[in-house]
């Protein structure tokens, strides 16, 4: 099967590409490469990505010709979180929503059979302590969450007998990737603990977060690609397996980083984004089982941070934080007002 992966040079993209290649897929990459090519860790996945056909274009410029011979699309490319989208909510709609529909339309016209969309559990929004599932009404709070939900709704309407659309709501991811990110809760708390000895919590720590390793996300997407279309057509799957309050993630980190202590920011308020997610559906229908636990993830991160010689300075490097990175691209003039790269 030939599978086009958009955003293949991203945090999840490198891992997914390698996972599909090992499973025998013919992978085509599609990425505009906003950020410089580098390798934080997982050199195996970094090297594997060099061996595939690569299309270097803005996702807003994809054409039917780019999709020639493609059997399936996994769409990861997006402004990836709240800080990046908050810089310009109009562009969150332009890139995360309108470009998604343009891509799906081009894919359907090109004869693509499967379309896997990377959504987010953030579409659940404000749910407090209750345990929710895919049938519960979404209540996104941010431009990022709204852009993901709008895309889900539109894509569902595009599902047909010869174009199978599947929507994957990722939990908050963690793990080591060539395109490393420190703005994900476990990666973030481990980074502060490793570089400063303080597990920094900026809120009151009571909000719930489902979390999942990027290797497990990659496996979930592969399972969705290979499942009978009657099982996945127009279906939403929450991707994950563990739920924690942020304060409990911090405590796990503290136990894994010697001499670290948990530190709460003065005046930290409750983060209204709070959701505990039931993952029974993906396990029952796709046979998905997590191989990674939070504890195991801490061990992986600790080893990688040591090998990279992570310190206070490089931990704060803009390229590891989506919001900082896009702010720099804008202020430095490397992109225009529409976030298009300049020559």
Foldseek 3Di string as FASTA:
>chain_A
DEEEEEPLQAQLNLLLLLVVVVVPYQYEYEYQCLDDQFFLDDVVSVVSVVPHHYHRDQLQPDALVVCAPHQEYEYDDALHDQLSCVVDLVLNLVRLAPSLVVVLVSNVVNQHQEYEYEAAPLQQFFDAPDADEPPDHGDHDGSNSVSRVNNLVVVLVVFDPRYFYFYEHEFQEAAHTGQAACPGLLSVQLLCCQAPLESEDQAPQFAKTFYAYSNLVSVLVVLLVPADSVLGGSYYAYGGDDMDRSVVSNVLSPVLRPNHYYDYDPPHHHDSGHHHYDRVSSCVRSVRDGPDDSNNRSVRSVVSCVVSVRYPVVVPPQSNHSSSSQVCCDVVVQADPSRHGDD
